[in-house]
């Protein structure tokens, strides 16, 4: 019984170590490199969301290109 409690404590400790490493890495990645967003509404039709209001498109927003000023004519830019 004591061995099972020690094993449980090790798993909890390993989980929290991984959690406190994974969360900052994930937040940094989503803030600096790329994130996923949903496009809804008629503002970008027919390029995005061609089916109307019932459907939505999922796009990858590339933060890396914006930070390096690598935007070219024809690129779609999302502003918040």
N, C-alpha and C. Protein backbone atom coordinates (compact mmCIF):
# COMPACT_ATOMS: atom_id res chain seq x y z
N UNK A 1 0.83 -1.19 0.00
CA UNK A 1 0.00 0.00 0.00
C UNK A 1 0.87 1.26 0.00
N UNK A 2 1.91 1.26 0.81
CA UNK A 2 2.80 2.43 0.87
C UNK A 2 3.55 2.60 -0.45
N UNK A 3 3.84 1.48 -1.10
CA UNK A 3 4.54 1.55 -2.38
C UNK A 3 3.63 2.17 -3.44
N UNK A 4 2.33 1.88 -3.40
CA UNK A 4 1.38 2.44 -4.36
C UNK A 4 1.23 3.94 -4.14
N UNK A 5 1.26 4.39 -2.88
CA UNK A 5 1.16 5.82 -2.59
C UNK A 5 2.40 6.55 -3.10
N UNK A 6 3.57 5.95 -2.93
CA UNK A 6 4.80 6.55 -3.44
C UNK A 6 4.79 6.63 -4.96
N UNK A 7 4.24 5.62 -5.60
CA UNK A 7 4.14 5.60 -7.05
C UNK A 7 3.18 6.70 -7.53
N UNK A 8 2.07 6.87 -6.82
CA UNK A 8 1.10 7.92 -7.17
C UNK A 8 1.71 9.30 -7.01
N UNK A 9 2.48 9.51 -5.98
CA UNK A 9 3.13 10.81 -5.77
C UNK A 9 4.13 11.10 -6.87
N UNK A 10 4.84 10.06 -7.33
CA UNK A 10 5.80 10.26 -8.43
C UNK A 10 5.09 10.67 -9.70
N UNK A 11 3.95 10.01 -10.00
CA UNK A 11 3.20 10.36 -11.20
C UNK A 11 2.64 11.78 -11.12
N UNK A 12 2.16 12.17 -9.96
CA UNK A 12 1.63 13.53 -9.80
C UNK A 12 2.76 14.55 -9.94
N UNK A 13 3.89 14.25 -9.35
CA UNK A 13 5.05 15.16 -9.45
C UNK A 13 5.51 15.27 -10.91
N UNK A 14 5.55 14.17 -11.63
CA UNK A 14 5.96 14.19 -13.04
C UNK A 14 4.94 14.94 -13.89
N UNK A 15 3.66 14.79 -13.57
CA UNK A 15 2.61 15.51 -14.29
C UNK A 15 2.78 17.01 -14.12
N UNK A 16 2.99 17.47 -12.91
CA UNK A 16 3.13 18.90 -12.68
C UNK A 16 4.41 19.46 -13.29
N UNK A 17 5.47 18.69 -13.29
CA UNK A 17 6.70 19.13 -13.96
C UNK A 17 6.45 19.31 -15.45
N UNK A 18 5.80 18.35 -16.06
CA UNK A 18 5.47 18.45 -17.47
C UNK A 18 4.50 19.58 -17.76
N UNK A 19 3.54 19.78 -16.88
CA UNK A 19 2.55 20.83 -17.04
C UNK A 19 3.21 22.20 -17.01
N UNK A 20 4.10 22.41 -16.05
CA UNK A 20 4.74 23.72 -15.91
C UNK A 20 5.79 23.97 -16.99
N UNK A 21 6.16 22.97 -17.74
CA UNK A 21 7.04 23.16 -18.90
C UNK A 21 6.19 23.33 -20.16
N UNK A 22 5.14 22.53 -20.32
CA UNK A 22 4.34 22.53 -21.54
C UNK A 22 3.51 23.80 -21.71
N UNK A 23 2.95 24.33 -20.63
CA UNK A 23 2.09 25.51 -20.74
C UNK A 23 2.85 26.72 -21.24
N UNK A 24 4.00 27.10 -20.65
CA UNK A 24 4.71 28.26 -21.20
C UNK A 24 5.20 28.05 -22.63
N UNK A 25 5.61 26.84 -22.97
CA UNK A 25 6.06 26.57 -24.34
C UNK A 25 4.89 26.72 -25.31
N UNK A 26 3.74 26.20 -24.96
CA UNK A 26 2.56 26.30 -25.81
C UNK A 26 2.11 27.74 -25.98
N UNK A 27 2.05 28.49 -24.89
CA UNK A 27 1.63 29.89 -24.96
C UNK A 27 2.61 30.70 -25.81
N UNK A 28 3.90 30.46 -25.64
CA UNK A 28 4.89 31.17 -26.44
C UNK A 28 4.76 30.82 -27.91
N UNK A 29 4.54 29.56 -28.23
CA UNK A 29 4.36 29.14 -29.61
C UNK A 29 3.14 29.81 -30.23
N UNK A 30 2.02 29.79 -29.52
CA UNK A 30 0.80 30.38 -30.06
C UNK A 30 0.91 31.89 -30.21
N UNK A 31 1.71 32.53 -29.38
CA UNK A 31 1.86 33.98 -29.44
C UNK A 31 2.88 34.41 -30.49
N UNK A 32 3.96 33.67 -30.65
CA UNK A 32 5.06 34.10 -31.51
C UNK A 32 5.12 33.43 -32.88
N UNK A 33 4.69 32.20 -33.00
CA UNK A 33 4.89 31.44 -34.24
C UNK A 33 3.60 31.33 -35.05
N UNK A 34 2.58 30.67 -34.53
CA UNK A 34 1.35 30.46 -35.28
C UNK A 34 0.22 30.05 -34.35
N UNK A 35 -1.00 30.30 -34.80
CA UNK A 35 -2.16 29.82 -34.06
C UNK A 35 -3.27 29.51 -35.05
N UNK A 36 -4.28 28.82 -34.60
CA UNK A 36 -5.40 28.42 -35.42
C UNK A 36 -6.58 29.33 -35.09
N UNK A 37 -7.29 29.80 -36.14
CA UNK A 37 -8.45 30.67 -35.94
C UNK A 37 -9.58 30.23 -36.84
N UNK A 38 -10.79 30.59 -36.46
CA UNK A 38 -11.98 30.26 -37.24
C UNK A 38 -12.46 31.53 -37.94
N UNK A 39 -12.77 31.41 -39.23
CA UNK A 39 -13.28 32.53 -40.01
C UNK A 39 -14.77 32.31 -40.21
N UNK A 40 -15.56 33.24 -39.71
CA UNK A 40 -17.02 33.16 -39.84
C UNK A 40 -17.53 34.48 -40.41
N UNK A 41 -18.63 34.43 -41.08
CA UNK A 41 -19.23 35.64 -41.61
C UNK A 41 -18.94 35.84 -43.08
N UNK A 42 -19.50 36.92 -43.61
CA UNK A 42 -19.45 37.16 -45.05
C UNK A 42 -18.33 38.09 -45.47
N UNK A 43 -17.50 38.53 -44.56
CA UNK A 43 -16.50 39.54 -44.91
C UNK A 43 -15.44 39.04 -45.88
N UNK A 44 -15.12 37.76 -45.87
CA UNK A 44 -14.08 37.23 -46.75
C UNK A 44 -14.64 36.30 -47.84
N UNK A 45 -15.95 36.34 -48.07
CA UNK A 45 -16.52 35.50 -49.12
C UNK A 45 -16.18 36.06 -50.48
N UNK A 46 -15.96 35.32 -51.51
CA UNK A 46 -16.00 33.87 -51.62
C UNK A 46 -14.66 33.19 -51.36
N UNK A 47 -13.59 33.95 -51.04
CA UNK A 47 -12.28 33.32 -50.81
C UNK A 47 -12.31 32.39 -49.61
N UNK A 48 -12.83 32.86 -48.50
CA UNK A 48 -12.99 32.04 -47.30
C UNK A 48 -14.47 31.97 -46.98
N UNK A 49 -14.88 30.84 -46.47
CA UNK A 49 -16.26 30.63 -46.06
C UNK A 49 -17.21 30.76 -47.25
N UNK A 50 -16.99 30.02 -48.34
CA UNK A 50 -17.83 30.18 -49.53
C UNK A 50 -19.24 29.63 -49.37
N UNK A 51 -19.46 28.79 -48.36
CA UNK A 51 -20.76 28.15 -48.22
C UNK A 51 -21.81 29.00 -47.54
N UNK A 52 -21.47 30.13 -47.03
CA UNK A 52 -22.43 30.98 -46.36
C UNK A 52 -22.24 30.96 -44.86
N UNK A 53 -23.25 31.41 -44.15
CA UNK A 53 -23.14 31.58 -42.70
C UNK A 53 -23.20 30.26 -41.93
N UNK A 54 -23.65 29.18 -42.58
CA UNK A 54 -23.75 27.91 -41.87
C UNK A 54 -22.39 27.24 -41.68
N UNK A 55 -21.42 27.60 -42.50
CA UNK A 55 -20.12 26.96 -42.40
C UNK A 55 -19.08 27.97 -41.97
N UNK A 56 -17.96 27.48 -41.49
CA UNK A 56 -16.84 28.34 -41.12
C UNK A 56 -15.56 27.64 -41.54
N UNK A 57 -14.58 28.43 -41.90
CA UNK A 57 -13.28 27.90 -42.28
C UNK A 57 -12.31 28.03 -41.11
N UNK A 58 -11.38 27.11 -41.03
CA UNK A 58 -10.33 27.15 -40.02
C UNK A 58 -9.03 27.47 -40.75
N UNK A 59 -8.32 28.50 -40.27
CA UNK A 59 -7.09 28.94 -40.91
C UNK A 59 -5.95 28.95 -39.91
N UNK A 60 -4.74 28.85 -40.43
CA UNK A 60 -3.54 28.95 -39.62
C UNK A 60 -3.00 30.37 -39.77
N UNK A 61 -2.91 31.10 -38.67
CA UNK A 61 -2.39 32.45 -38.69
C UNK A 61 -0.89 32.40 -38.42
N UNK A 62 -0.10 32.85 -39.37
CA UNK A 62 1.35 32.78 -39.28
C UNK A 62 1.87 34.09 -38.67
N UNK A 63 2.19 34.06 -37.40
CA UNK A 63 2.71 35.24 -36.71
C UNK A 63 4.16 35.52 -37.09
N UNK A 64 4.87 34.47 -37.46
CA UNK A 64 6.30 34.59 -37.75
C UNK A 64 6.56 35.51 -38.94
N UNK A 65 5.76 35.39 -40.00
CA UNK A 65 5.93 36.23 -41.19
C UNK A 65 5.63 37.69 -40.89
N UNK A 66 4.66 37.94 -40.08
CA UNK A 66 4.30 39.32 -39.73
C UNK A 66 5.42 39.96 -38.92
N UNK A 67 6.00 39.23 -38.00
CA UNK A 67 7.09 39.79 -37.18
C UNK A 67 8.32 40.09 -38.03
N UNK A 68 8.52 39.35 -39.10
CA UNK A 68 9.68 39.57 -39.98
C UNK A 68 9.33 40.44 -41.19
N UNK A 69 8.15 41.03 -41.20
CA UNK A 69 7.68 41.89 -42.29
C UNK A 69 7.76 41.18 -43.64
N UNK A 70 7.38 39.93 -43.66
CA UNK A 70 7.41 39.12 -44.87
C UNK A 70 5.99 38.99 -45.44
N UNK A 71 5.35 40.13 -45.66
CA UNK A 71 3.99 40.16 -46.19
C UNK A 71 4.05 40.62 -47.64
N UNK A 72 3.36 39.90 -48.49
CA UNK A 72 3.38 40.22 -49.92
C UNK A 72 1.96 40.49 -50.42
N UNK A 73 1.90 41.08 -51.58
CA UNK A 73 0.62 41.37 -52.20
C UNK A 73 -0.15 40.08 -52.40
N UNK A 74 -1.42 40.10 -52.04
CA UNK A 74 -2.27 38.92 -52.17
C UNK A 74 -2.40 38.12 -50.89
N UNK A 75 -1.58 38.40 -49.88
CA UNK A 75 -1.68 37.72 -48.59
C UNK A 75 -2.91 38.22 -47.83
N UNK A 76 -3.51 37.36 -47.07
CA UNK A 76 -4.64 37.72 -46.23
C UNK A 76 -4.08 38.02 -44.84
N UNK A 77 -4.39 39.20 -44.32
CA UNK A 77 -3.89 39.63 -43.03
C UNK A 77 -5.06 39.74 -42.06
N UNK A 78 -4.91 39.20 -40.86
CA UNK A 78 -5.95 39.26 -39.83
C UNK A 78 -5.54 40.26 -38.77
N UNK A 79 -6.43 41.18 -38.45
CA UNK A 79 -6.18 42.18 -37.42
C UNK A 79 -7.10 41.93 -36.25
N UNK A 80 -6.60 42.15 -35.06
CA UNK A 80 -7.42 41.98 -33.86
C UNK A 80 -7.72 43.36 -33.30
